[in-house]
Amino acid sequence: MVHYINNDQQQSKQQQQQHFSRRLSWSVVCGLMLFVLGLISLFTGHVASDLDWYSHRLVNPTSFYYSYKLEGSSRAPIDIWKSKFSEFYYQCSERGPCFTTAVREPSSNGYLLIATSGGLNQQRTGITDAVVVARILNATLVVPELDHHSFWKDDSDFPNIFDVNWFISTLSKDVTIVKRIPDKVMRSMEKPPYTMRVPRKSEPEYYLEQVLPILLRRRVVQLTKFDYRLANDLDEELQKLRCRVNYHALRFTKPIRDLGQKVVSRMRNMTNRFIAVHLRFEPDMLAFSGCYYGGGDKERYELGEIRKRWATLPDLSPDGERKRGKCPLTPYEVGLMLRALGFSNDTHIYVASGEIYGGEETLQPLRELFPNFYTKEMLAGEELQPFLNFSSRLAAVDYIVCDESDVFVTNNNGNMAKILAGRRRYMGHKRTIRPNAKKLSSLFMARDRMDWATFAKKVKSCQRGFMGEPDEMRPGRVEFHEFPSSCICQKPFRYSNVYNYNDRDQTPKQGPNFAETKFAQR
């Protein structure tokens, strides 16, 4: 009995030793591999790409990105022209293998008419969501009708702004789209199209339960005031469809594209890189905000009269709204922010705007901070003549130039700002600066009590997290049009790429202390 026990113990010890030796040999192999990789990294400055990728796969690859961000990079100077992490992301909006081909017109559940609402970019969101709703309903979409009755008073139709044939053909595998309802269908209808308005942010289930039965019964349904009528959070395939519509199918007409590219080329002929600033500072927008901009009794009276147009607007505290970050920055404040971030006064800027409250007097401080100041009116001149009576076509030219700029800056959180921010993320995380209005407002109010160096340091601190870095937003926290997370994929992250990037000279040469001089005068 003891003999058997001893034999069992000896066998057990042998098995443990063999297991230990196997673990030890594997550990030695891993250690040698890491040692060799370390030597390669030491002498070549990087690790072999495949081994680097597989080693990163052993842990959460994004942890390298975030650990790098935490290990001091938040204190390092930001490249104000380009994100060092943008190369690790790419667009991925292709349809998946399970996303079936669109139902053809004769087999669809009926025809969906869409009446959009608002200005160019608000209507863009409506068109994008209209395609997705048509897909949900298995309906044939009729080319959406644009809004002719909004504040913008533009009677342009879809084919005047967007390339309609490109729109239809690009989406042919996703949704069947026609330019109009066939005459034989219209003649066969006993009643006119059923018109309804769906609640904002409606879930797909709402359309299936409330709209589809009517569509099946009446064959044609029209949805009116169609802007933001579809939920923000959808199935991933439907989100990717949103991206295919917004970033690929909605192409401007050739005359608009040609003029937009001419303006971009004229900016590029003067400088290698430029900033596009989208300024919303129209009188009605300022009146609606309830904010005060320092214009005294004249401003209070003029904006107060405009504000009376909206009977339901509550009385607001201008100081309270500013402290809450609800007031758009003035052109001068935008200029101060940019100079404080490190853009020199020889930087070329393109300003996209409508009517500016106060006109040239309001713009003059920005011109002084950035003398290389340009607009579409300055660069296109007579070529703009065919567009002058059409606000949406003019806005489309600005859209193209802002999209093509190296840096995009906005003083507001409107539709164009959100849609361009989303597009620029999708197109490679091009630098997009959003003012941290809540923190900047108190800083601007206290600017007379600090020198320029202190002010600039505080502005840079305030703008951390508002410079268009890939990790600034979390999916679902903002509108999908502003952060199309389902359509942006991440590449493997490597330390060496960031280190090589950091070796570049990224700090722009500072021009004369013009900003400091003007800052001291005001």
Protein backbone atom coordinates (compact mmCIF):
# COMPACT_ATOMS: atom_id res chain seq x y z
CA MET A 1 0.00 0.00 0.00
CA VAL A 2 2.82 2.37 0.93
CA HIS A 3 4.60 1.29 -2.24
CA TYR A 4 1.69 2.39 -4.40
CA ILE A 5 1.42 5.69 -2.56
CA ASN A 6 5.10 6.37 -3.08
CA ASN A 7 4.77 5.50 -6.77
CA ASP A 8 1.80 7.85 -7.07
CA GLN A 9 3.72 10.64 -5.34
CA GLN A 10 6.73 10.12 -7.60
CA GLN A 11 4.53 10.17 -10.70
CA SER A 12 2.79 13.32 -9.46
CA LYS A 13 6.12 15.04 -8.83
CA GLN A 14 7.32 14.05 -12.32
CA GLN A 15 4.14 15.45 -13.89
CA GLN A 16 4.49 18.73 -11.95
CA GLN A 17 8.13 19.03 -13.00
CA GLN A 18 7.20 18.39 -16.63
CA HIS A 19 4.36 20.94 -16.44
CA PHE A 20 6.69 23.45 -14.75
CA SER A 21 9.40 22.87 -17.35
CA ARG A 22 6.87 23.42 -20.15
CA ARG A 23 5.69 26.67 -18.53
CA LEU A 24 9.28 27.68 -17.91
CA SER A 25 10.32 26.95 -21.50
CA TRP A 26 7.33 28.93 -22.84
CA SER A 27 8.16 31.79 -20.49
CA VAL A 28 11.79 31.70 -21.68
CA VAL A 29 10.66 31.75 -25.31
CA CYS A 30 8.32 34.70 -24.62
CA GLY A 31 11.07 36.45 -22.70
CA LEU A 32 13.55 35.95 -25.53
CA MET A 33 10.99 37.23 -28.05
CA LEU A 34 10.36 40.33 -25.99
CA PHE A 35 14.13 40.82 -25.56
CA VAL A 36 14.68 40.55 -29.33
CA LEU A 37 11.77 42.89 -29.99
CA GLY A 38 13.25 45.30 -27.49
CA LEU A 39 16.58 45.25 -29.36
CA ILE A 40 14.80 45.79 -32.68
CA SER A 41 12.85 48.65 -31.18
CA LEU A 42 16.03 50.13 -29.70
CA PHE A 43 18.01 50.06 -32.93
CA THR A 44 15.32 50.67 -35.49
CA GLY A 45 12.89 52.88 -33.57
CA HIS A 46 9.92 50.63 -34.15
CA VAL A 47 8.74 47.04 -33.72
CA ALA A 48 7.91 44.73 -36.59
CA SER A 49 4.37 45.62 -37.47
CA ASP A 50 2.78 42.16 -37.40
CA LEU A 51 4.33 41.18 -34.06
CA ASP A 52 3.40 44.57 -32.66
CA TRP A 53 -0.21 44.09 -33.77
CA TYR A 54 -0.47 40.59 -32.28
CA SER A 55 1.11 41.67 -29.02
CA HIS A 56 -1.44 44.47 -28.79
CA ARG A 57 -4.25 42.00 -29.45
CA LEU A 58 -3.31 40.18 -26.22
CA VAL A 59 -4.74 43.12 -24.31
CA ASN A 60 -7.37 45.72 -25.15
CA PRO A 61 -5.75 47.63 -28.05
CA THR A 62 -7.49 50.85 -27.10
CA SER A 63 -5.82 50.72 -23.69
CA PHE A 64 -2.55 51.73 -25.37
CA TYR A 65 -4.28 54.77 -26.80
CA TYR A 66 -5.84 55.82 -23.53
CA SER A 67 -2.77 54.95 -21.44
CA TYR A 68 -0.72 57.15 -23.72
CA LYS A 69 -3.27 59.92 -23.31
CA LEU A 70 -3.06 59.56 -19.53
CA GLU A 71 0.72 59.31 -19.34
CA GLY A 72 1.41 63.00 -19.75
CA SER A 73 0.11 63.60 -23.25
CA SER A 74 -2.72 65.68 -21.80
CA ARG A 75 -0.03 68.11 -20.65
CA ALA A 76 1.83 68.08 -23.98
CA PRO A 77 1.26 70.86 -26.54
CA ILE A 78 -1.54 70.12 -29.00
CA ASP A 79 -0.84 70.25 -32.71
CA ILE A 80 -3.36 72.93 -33.57
CA TRP A 81 -3.48 71.91 -37.24
CA LYS A 82 -3.91 68.13 -37.04
CA SER A 83 -4.62 65.39 -34.50
CA LYS A 84 -1.73 62.98 -33.98
CA PHE A 85 -4.26 60.16 -33.51
CA SER A 86 -6.30 60.73 -36.68
CA GLU A 87 -4.29 58.15 -38.65
CA PHE A 88 -5.58 55.37 -36.39
CA TYR A 89 -9.17 55.74 -37.61
CA TYR A 90 -10.88 55.14 -40.94
CA GLN A 91 -14.37 55.29 -42.41
CA CYS A 92 -16.33 52.02 -42.53
CA SER A 93 -19.89 52.48 -43.77
CA GLU A 94 -20.09 49.60 -46.24
CA ARG A 95 -23.27 47.53 -46.10
CA GLY A 96 -22.93 44.23 -44.29
CA PRO A 97 -23.47 40.81 -45.91
CA CYS A 98 -26.86 40.42 -44.20
CA PHE A 99 -28.14 43.79 -45.45
CA THR A 100 -30.47 42.66 -48.22
CA THR A 101 -30.84 44.43 -51.53
CA ALA A 102 -33.57 47.05 -51.75
CA VAL A 103 -37.10 45.97 -52.59
CA ARG A 104 -37.94 46.97 -56.17
CA GLU A 105 -40.69 49.50 -56.84
CA PRO A 106 -43.51 47.09 -57.88
CA SER A 107 -42.91 44.91 -54.80
CA SER A 108 -42.58 47.72 -52.24
CA ASN A 109 -45.17 48.55 -49.62
CA GLY A 110 -46.01 51.87 -51.26
CA TYR A 111 -44.61 55.35 -51.93
CA LEU A 112 -43.17 57.62 -49.25
CA LEU A 113 -43.34 61.39 -49.78
CA ILE A 114 -41.15 63.58 -47.57
CA ALA A 115 -41.44 67.33 -46.95
CA THR A 116 -38.27 68.56 -45.26
CA SER A 117 -37.98 71.55 -42.97
CA GLY A 118 -35.52 74.35 -42.20
CA GLY A 119 -32.32 75.52 -43.87
CA LEU A 120 -29.90 73.54 -46.01
CA ASN A 121 -28.28 71.47 -43.27
CA GLN A 122 -31.45 70.85 -41.29
CA GLN A 123 -33.00 69.57 -44.51
CA ARG A 124 -29.93 67.41 -45.06
CA THR A 125 -30.64 65.55 -41.83
CA GLY A 126 -34.25 65.10 -42.93
CA ILE A 127 -33.24 63.66 -46.31
CA THR A 128 -30.78 61.29 -44.65
CA ASP A 129 -33.38 60.00 -42.22
CA ALA A 130 -36.01 59.80 -44.98
CA VAL A 131 -33.91 57.19 -46.80
CA VAL A 132 -33.56 55.16 -43.59
CA VAL A 133 -37.31 55.35 -42.89
CA ALA A 134 -38.05 54.19 -46.45
CA ARG A 135 -35.78 51.23 -45.79
CA ILE A 136 -37.55 50.43 -42.51
CA LEU A 137 -40.94 50.53 -44.25
CA ASN A 138 -39.81 48.69 -47.40
CA ALA A 139 -41.21 51.68 -49.26
CA THR A 140 -40.26 53.38 -52.50
CA LEU A 141 -38.97 56.85 -51.66
CA VAL A 142 -39.96 59.78 -53.83
CA VAL A 143 -37.17 62.38 -54.07
CA PRO A 144 -37.77 64.61 -51.01
CA GLU A 145 -39.38 68.02 -51.32
CA LEU A 146 -37.34 70.92 -49.93
CA ASP A 147 -38.75 73.61 -47.64
CA HIS A 148 -39.74 76.81 -49.47
CA HIS A 149 -41.46 78.52 -46.54
CA SER A 150 -38.87 78.64 -43.76
CA PHE A 151 -37.03 81.72 -42.55
CA TRP A 152 -34.50 81.24 -45.37
CA LYS A 153 -37.11 81.82 -48.12
CA ASP A 154 -35.34 79.72 -50.76
CA ASP A 155 -37.49 78.20 -53.51
CA SER A 156 -34.77 75.81 -54.72
CA ASP A 157 -35.86 72.25 -55.40
CA PHE A 158 -33.84 69.10 -54.76
CA PRO A 159 -32.30 68.97 -58.28
CA ASN A 160 -31.17 72.62 -57.93
CA ILE A 161 -28.94 71.74 -54.97
CA PHE A 162 -28.20 68.01 -55.07
CA ASP A 163 -27.21 65.76 -57.96
CA VAL A 164 -30.46 63.81 -58.10
CA ASN A 165 -29.32 61.08 -60.50
CA TRP A 166 -26.23 60.42 -58.37
CA PHE A 167 -28.46 60.29 -55.29
CA ILE A 168 -30.76 57.68 -56.82
CA SER A 169 -28.03 55.48 -58.32
CA THR A 170 -25.71 55.56 -55.29
CA LEU A 171 -28.47 54.26 -53.03
CA SER A 172 -30.04 51.84 -55.51
CA LYS A 173 -28.95 48.78 -53.51
CA ASP A 174 -30.31 50.25 -50.26
CA VAL A 175 -33.60 51.91 -51.18
CA THR A 176 -35.56 52.32 -54.38
CA ILE A 177 -35.93 56.03 -55.14
CA VAL A 178 -38.02 57.62 -57.89
CA LYS A 179 -38.35 61.23 -59.01
CA ARG A 180 -42.14 61.17 -58.84
CA ILE A 181 -45.06 58.79 -58.35
CA PRO A 182 -46.04 57.13 -61.64
CA ASP A 183 -49.18 58.58 -63.26
CA LYS A 184 -50.94 55.21 -63.33
CA VAL A 185 -50.53 54.91 -59.55
CA MET A 186 -51.90 58.42 -59.01
CA ARG A 187 -54.90 57.71 -61.26
CA SER A 188 -55.66 54.49 -59.40
CA MET A 189 -55.79 56.20 -55.99
CA GLU A 190 -59.26 56.78 -54.59
CA LYS A 191 -58.04 59.41 -52.13
CA PRO A 192 -55.16 61.90 -52.12
CA PRO A 193 -51.94 60.92 -50.30
CA TYR A 194 -52.38 60.57 -46.56
CA THR A 195 -50.46 63.35 -44.75
CA MET A 196 -49.14 63.05 -41.24
CA ARG A 197 -46.42 64.40 -38.96
CA VAL A 198 -44.54 61.92 -36.79
CA PRO A 199 -43.14 62.85 -33.36
CA ARG A 200 -39.52 63.86 -33.08
CA LYS A 201 -36.97 61.12 -32.48
CA SER A 202 -39.45 58.34 -33.28
CA GLU A 203 -38.18 54.78 -32.97
CA PRO A 204 -38.35 52.35 -35.94
CA GLU A 205 -41.15 50.53 -34.10
CA TYR A 206 -43.29 53.67 -34.32
CA TYR A 207 -43.00 53.71 -38.10
CA LEU A 208 -43.80 50.00 -38.32
CA GLU A 209 -46.79 50.23 -35.99
CA GLN A 210 -48.24 53.65 -36.90
CA VAL A 211 -47.12 54.50 -40.44
CA LEU A 212 -46.84 51.12 -42.19
CA PRO A 213 -50.53 50.13 -41.80
CA ILE A 214 -51.60 53.43 -43.35
CA LEU A 215 -49.04 53.03 -46.14
CA LEU A 216 -50.33 49.54 -46.95
CA ARG A 217 -53.91 50.78 -46.96
CA ARG A 218 -53.42 54.05 -48.89
CA ARG A 219 -50.31 53.22 -51.00
CA VAL A 220 -48.95 56.77 -50.60
CA VAL A 221 -48.07 58.56 -47.36
CA GLN A 222 -46.56 62.03 -46.97
CA LEU A 223 -44.56 62.90 -43.82
CA THR A 224 -44.35 66.65 -43.20
CA LYS A 225 -41.89 68.85 -41.28
CA PHE A 226 -39.45 65.98 -41.54
CA ASP A 227 -36.42 66.99 -39.49
CA TYR A 228 -35.00 64.92 -36.62
CA ARG A 229 -38.04 62.62 -36.82
CA LEU A 230 -36.02 59.44 -36.43
CA ALA A 231 -34.35 58.18 -33.26
CA ASN A 232 -30.67 58.93 -32.77
CA ASP A 233 -29.71 55.40 -31.74
CA LEU A 234 -30.46 52.78 -34.39
CA ASP A 235 -29.29 49.35 -35.48
CA GLU A 236 -25.70 49.52 -36.76
CA GLU A 237 -26.63 48.71 -40.35
CA LEU A 238 -29.16 51.54 -40.40
CA GLN A 239 -26.57 53.90 -38.92
CA LYS A 240 -24.18 52.94 -41.70
CA LEU A 241 -26.94 53.64 -44.20
CA ARG A 242 -27.21 57.12 -42.70
CA CYS A 243 -23.51 57.60 -43.43
CA ARG A 244 -23.80 56.36 -47.01
CA VAL A 245 -26.60 58.86 -47.61
CA ASN A 246 -25.05 61.84 -45.86
CA TYR A 247 -21.40 61.44 -46.89
CA HIS A 248 -21.67 59.78 -50.29
CA ALA A 249 -25.10 60.05 -51.92
CA LEU A 250 -25.89 63.69 -51.12
CA ARG A 251 -23.55 65.29 -53.62
CA PHE A 252 -24.09 68.91 -54.65
CA THR A 253 -24.86 69.78 -58.27
CA LYS A 254 -21.92 70.37 -60.59
CA PRO A 255 -22.29 74.20 -60.69
CA ILE A 256 -22.18 74.32 -56.87
CA ARG A 257 -19.26 71.88 -56.67
CA ASP A 258 -17.30 73.75 -59.32
CA LEU A 259 -17.72 77.12 -57.63
CA GLY A 260 -16.92 75.69 -54.20
CA GLN A 261 -13.73 74.10 -55.49
CA LYS A 262 -12.74 77.35 -57.22
CA VAL A 263 -12.98 79.17 -53.88
CA VAL A 264 -10.94 76.41 -52.19
CA SER A 265 -8.29 76.60 -54.95
CA ARG A 266 -8.02 80.36 -54.55
CA MET A 267 -7.43 79.93 -50.84
CA ARG A 268 -4.82 77.22 -51.54
CA ASN A 269 -3.06 79.46 -54.06
CA MET A 270 -2.42 81.94 -51.25
CA THR A 271 -1.46 79.53 -48.48
CA ASN A 272 -0.70 75.88 -47.81
CA ARG A 273 -3.30 75.64 -45.05
CA PHE A 274 -6.18 77.74 -43.80
CA ILE A 275 -8.91 77.95 -41.18
CA ALA A 276 -12.60 78.12 -42.03
CA VAL A 277 -14.70 79.93 -39.43
CA HIS A 278 -18.46 79.44 -39.45
CA LEU A 279 -20.00 82.50 -37.78
CA ARG A 280 -23.64 82.50 -36.75
CA PHE A 281 -24.24 86.07 -35.66
CA GLU A 282 -27.47 87.02 -37.43
CA PRO A 283 -29.85 89.42 -35.63
CA ASP A 284 -32.67 86.86 -35.30
CA MET A 285 -30.31 84.22 -33.94
CA LEU A 286 -28.92 86.61 -31.32
CA ALA A 287 -32.43 87.74 -30.37
CA PHE A 288 -33.55 84.14 -29.96
CA SER A 289 -30.56 83.37 -27.71
CA GLY A 290 -31.58 86.03 -25.18
CA CYS A 291 -27.95 87.06 -24.75
CA TYR A 292 -26.37 90.50 -24.52
CA TYR A 293 -23.27 91.42 -26.55
CA GLY A 294 -22.29 94.84 -25.25
CA GLY A 295 -24.18 97.04 -27.69
CA GLY A 296 -25.96 99.09 -25.04
CA ASP A 297 -29.56 100.30 -25.21
CA LYS A 298 -29.56 100.20 -29.01
CA GLU A 299 -28.83 96.48 -29.03
CA ARG A 300 -31.31 95.74 -26.24
CA TYR A 301 -34.08 97.55 -28.12
CA GLU A 302 -33.36 96.07 -31.58
CA LEU A 303 -32.97 92.48 -30.42
CA GLY A 304 -35.90 92.88 -28.03
CA GLU A 305 -38.17 93.89 -30.92
CA ILE A 306 -37.07 90.88 -32.96
CA ARG A 307 -37.61 88.61 -29.96
CA LYS A 308 -41.28 89.59 -29.88
CA ARG A 309 -41.81 87.41 -32.98
CA TRP A 310 -41.75 84.36 -30.69
CA ALA A 311 -44.58 84.83 -28.24
CA THR A 312 -43.75 81.68 -26.28
CA LEU A 313 -40.11 82.51 -25.53
CA PRO A 314 -39.43 82.82 -21.79
CA ASP A 315 -37.70 85.81 -20.21
CA LEU A 316 -34.02 84.98 -19.89
CA SER A 317 -31.15 86.46 -17.91
CA PRO A 318 -28.42 87.47 -20.40
CA ASP A 319 -25.71 87.01 -17.74
CA GLY A 320 -27.16 83.66 -16.74
CA GLU A 321 -27.27 82.43 -20.34
CA ARG A 322 -23.66 83.45 -20.87
CA LYS A 323 -22.50 81.68 -17.71
CA ARG A 324 -24.30 78.54 -18.88
CA GLY A 325 -22.42 78.67 -22.19
CA LYS A 326 -25.58 79.29 -24.22
CA CYS A 327 -24.35 82.45 -25.98
CA PRO A 328 -22.46 82.19 -29.29
CA LEU A 329 -19.01 83.75 -29.24
CA THR A 330 -18.65 87.14 -30.91
CA PRO A 331 -16.32 87.36 -33.94
CA TYR A 332 -13.77 89.13 -31.71
CA GLU A 333 -13.94 86.37 -29.10
CA VAL A 334 -13.42 83.74 -31.82
CA GLY A 335 -10.32 85.64 -32.94
CA LEU A 336 -8.96 85.88 -29.40
CA MET A 337 -9.51 82.16 -28.86
CA LEU A 338 -7.66 81.26 -32.06
CA ARG A 339 -4.71 83.56 -31.33
CA ALA A 340 -4.50 82.20 -27.78
CA LEU A 341 -4.45 78.63 -29.11
CA GLY A 342 -1.37 79.51 -31.16
CA PHE A 343 -2.57 80.54 -34.63
CA SER A 344 -0.39 83.43 -35.75
CA ASN A 345 -1.78 86.62 -37.26
CA ASP A 346 -0.51 85.68 -40.73
CA THR A 347 -2.86 82.65 -40.76
CA HIS A 348 -5.38 82.76 -43.59
CA ILE A 349 -9.01 82.46 -42.53
CA TYR A 350 -12.15 81.94 -44.57
CA VAL A 351 -15.32 83.24 -42.91
CA ALA A 352 -18.63 81.55 -43.74
CA SER A 353 -21.58 83.56 -42.49
CA GLY A 354 -24.89 85.11 -43.26
CA GLU A 355 -25.86 88.62 -42.19
CA ILE A 356 -23.68 89.73 -39.25
CA TYR A 357 -25.39 91.87 -36.63
CA GLY A 358 -23.50 95.17 -36.59
CA GLY A 359 -21.94 94.51 -40.01
CA GLU A 360 -18.32 95.50 -40.63
CA GLU A 361 -18.03 97.16 -37.24
CA THR A 362 -18.61 93.75 -35.59
CA LEU A 363 -16.16 92.00 -37.93
CA GLN A 364 -13.37 94.60 -37.71
CA PRO A 365 -11.72 93.23 -34.51
CA LEU A 366 -11.50 89.77 -36.13
CA ARG A 367 -10.00 91.29 -39.28
CA GLU A 368 -7.37 93.05 -37.16
CA LEU A 369 -6.41 89.82 -35.43
CA PHE A 370 -6.29 87.97 -38.77
CA PRO A 371 -5.61 90.39 -41.67
CA ASN A 372 -5.69 87.52 -44.21
CA PHE A 373 -9.48 87.46 -43.97
CA TYR A 374 -11.58 86.14 -46.88
CA THR A 375 -15.19 85.32 -47.75
CA LYS A 376 -16.88 83.76 -50.78
CA GLU A 377 -17.96 87.25 -51.85
CA MET A 378 -14.32 88.38 -51.90
CA LEU A 379 -13.04 85.29 -53.72
CA ALA A 380 -15.83 84.54 -56.18
CA GLY A 381 -17.22 87.99 -57.03
CA GLU A 382 -19.31 87.94 -60.20
CA GLU A 383 -19.33 84.13 -60.25
CA LEU A 384 -21.70 84.22 -57.27
CA GLN A 385 -24.30 86.17 -59.23
CA PRO A 386 -26.46 83.15 -60.22
CA PHE A 387 -26.58 82.07 -56.56
CA LEU A 388 -27.38 85.38 -54.87
CA ASN A 389 -31.14 84.88 -54.56
CA PHE A 390 -30.78 81.35 -53.19
CA SER A 391 -29.58 81.11 -49.61
CA SER A 392 -29.25 77.31 -49.69
CA ARG A 393 -26.97 77.38 -52.73
CA LEU A 394 -24.79 80.03 -51.08
CA ALA A 395 -24.70 77.90 -47.93
CA ALA A 396 -23.65 74.93 -50.05
CA VAL A 397 -20.60 76.85 -51.32
CA ASP A 398 -19.64 77.67 -47.72
CA TYR A 399 -20.17 74.01 -46.80
CA ILE A 400 -17.66 72.87 -49.43
CA VAL A 401 -14.98 75.38 -48.37
CA CYS A 402 -15.45 74.59 -44.66
CA ASP A 403 -15.25 70.88 -45.39
CA GLU A 404 -12.02 71.28 -47.38
CA SER A 405 -10.32 73.54 -44.82
CA ASP A 406 -7.45 72.31 -42.66
CA VAL A 407 -9.15 73.56 -39.50
CA PHE A 408 -12.85 74.20 -39.03
CA VAL A 409 -14.01 76.51 -36.24
CA THR A 410 -17.52 77.43 -35.21
CA ASN A 411 -18.96 79.90 -32.72
CA ASN A 412 -22.24 77.98 -32.36
CA ASN A 413 -23.79 74.55 -32.04
CA GLY A 414 -26.16 74.76 -34.99
CA ASN A 415 -26.97 72.29 -37.75
CA MET A 416 -24.10 73.19 -40.06
CA ALA A 417 -21.60 73.05 -37.19
CA LYS A 418 -22.82 69.58 -36.13
CA ILE A 419 -23.06 68.09 -39.61
CA LEU A 420 -19.63 69.36 -40.67
CA ALA A 421 -18.11 68.15 -37.40
CA GLY A 422 -19.50 64.68 -38.11
CA ARG A 423 -18.36 64.70 -41.72
CA ARG A 424 -14.85 65.82 -40.79
CA ARG A 425 -14.61 63.02 -38.22
CA TYR A 426 -15.76 60.53 -40.85
CA MET A 427 -13.29 61.89 -43.41
CA GLY A 428 -10.25 61.41 -41.17
CA HIS A 429 -10.76 63.40 -37.98
CA LYS A 430 -9.74 66.68 -39.57
CA ARG A 431 -9.16 69.31 -36.90
CA THR A 432 -12.51 70.76 -35.78
CA ILE A 433 -12.56 73.27 -32.93
CA ARG A 434 -15.70 73.81 -30.85
CA PRO A 435 -15.50 76.63 -28.31
CA ASN A 436 -15.99 75.52 -24.72
CA ALA A 437 -18.39 78.42 -24.34
CA LYS A 438 -19.25 77.75 -20.69
CA LYS A 439 -15.65 78.08 -19.51
CA LEU A 440 -14.56 80.64 -22.09
CA SER A 441 -17.38 83.04 -21.21
CA SER A 442 -16.08 83.59 -17.67
CA LEU A 443 -12.54 83.84 -19.03
CA PHE A 444 -13.50 86.52 -21.55
CA MET A 445 -15.28 88.50 -18.84
CA ALA A 446 -12.11 88.44 -16.71
CA ARG A 447 -9.63 89.05 -19.54
CA ASP A 448 -8.85 92.63 -18.47
CA ARG A 449 -7.45 91.31 -15.19
CA MET A 450 -4.70 89.13 -16.69
CA ASP A 451 -1.80 89.44 -19.12
CA TRP A 452 -1.77 87.78 -22.53
CA ALA A 453 0.42 84.83 -21.51
CA THR A 454 -1.92 83.94 -18.64
CA PHE A 455 -4.98 84.37 -20.82
CA ALA A 456 -3.53 82.15 -23.58
CA LYS A 457 -2.61 79.45 -21.07
CA LYS A 458 -6.12 79.42 -19.65
CA VAL A 459 -7.72 79.31 -23.12
CA LYS A 460 -5.62 76.26 -24.03
CA SER A 461 -6.69 74.61 -20.79
CA CYS A 462 -10.37 75.40 -21.46
CA GLN A 463 -10.19 73.95 -24.96
CA ARG A 464 -8.86 70.55 -23.89
CA GLY A 465 -11.52 68.14 -25.09
CA PHE A 466 -12.94 70.59 -27.64
CA MET A 467 -10.28 70.32 -30.37
CA GLY A 468 -11.73 67.46 -32.43
CA GLU A 469 -9.63 64.63 -31.03
CA PRO A 470 -11.00 61.12 -31.73
CA ASP A 471 -11.68 60.34 -28.06
CA GLU A 472 -13.52 63.55 -27.14
CA MET A 473 -17.03 62.19 -27.58
CA ARG A 474 -18.73 59.00 -26.49
CA PRO A 475 -21.16 57.23 -28.84
CA GLY A 476 -24.77 58.17 -28.15
CA ARG A 477 -23.96 61.28 -26.12
CA VAL A 478 -24.50 63.61 -29.08
CA GLU A 479 -26.46 63.53 -32.34
CA PHE A 480 -25.32 60.76 -34.67
CA HIS A 481 -24.86 63.37 -37.41
CA GLU A 482 -22.25 65.04 -35.17
CA PHE A 483 -20.45 61.83 -34.22
CA PRO A 484 -21.16 58.94 -36.64
CA SER A 485 -19.51 56.37 -34.38
CA SER A 486 -20.89 53.29 -36.19
CA CYS A 487 -19.11 54.41 -39.37
CA ILE A 488 -15.67 55.06 -37.86
CA CYS A 489 -13.37 52.11 -37.21
CA GLN A 490 -10.07 51.97 -35.36
CA LYS A 491 -6.74 50.69 -36.67
CA PRO A 492 -4.09 49.08 -34.43
CA PHE A 493 -2.40 51.63 -32.20
CA ARG A 494 1.39 51.74 -31.95
CA TYR A 495 3.51 53.79 -29.60
CA SER A 496 6.20 54.22 -32.24
CA ASN A 497 3.84 56.07 -34.59
CA VAL A 498 3.05 58.62 -31.90
CA TYR A 499 6.70 59.01 -30.95
CA ASN A 500 7.67 59.61 -34.57
CA TYR A 501 4.84 62.11 -34.86
CA ASN A 502 6.04 63.93 -31.76
CA ASP A 503 9.50 64.35 -33.30
CA ARG A 504 8.05 66.70 -35.89
CA ASP A 505 8.16 70.43 -35.40
CA GLN A 506 4.47 71.17 -34.86
CA THR A 507 4.57 74.55 -33.19
CA PRO A 508 3.63 77.29 -35.63
CA LYS A 509 5.89 80.28 -35.81
CA GLN A 510 4.34 83.17 -33.99
CA GLY A 511 3.73 86.38 -35.84
CA PRO A 512 4.05 89.81 -34.25
CA ASN A 513 2.45 90.26 -30.85
CA PHE A 514 -0.54 91.84 -32.56
CA ALA A 515 -3.07 89.88 -30.53
CA GLU A 516 -1.35 90.86 -27.31
CA THR A 517 -1.40 94.51 -28.35
CA LYS A 518 -5.10 94.45 -29.29
CA PHE A 519 -5.86 92.42 -26.18
CA ALA A 520 -4.31 95.11 -24.01
CA GLN A 521 -6.27 97.83 -25.77
CA ARG A 522 -9.66 96.22 -25.10
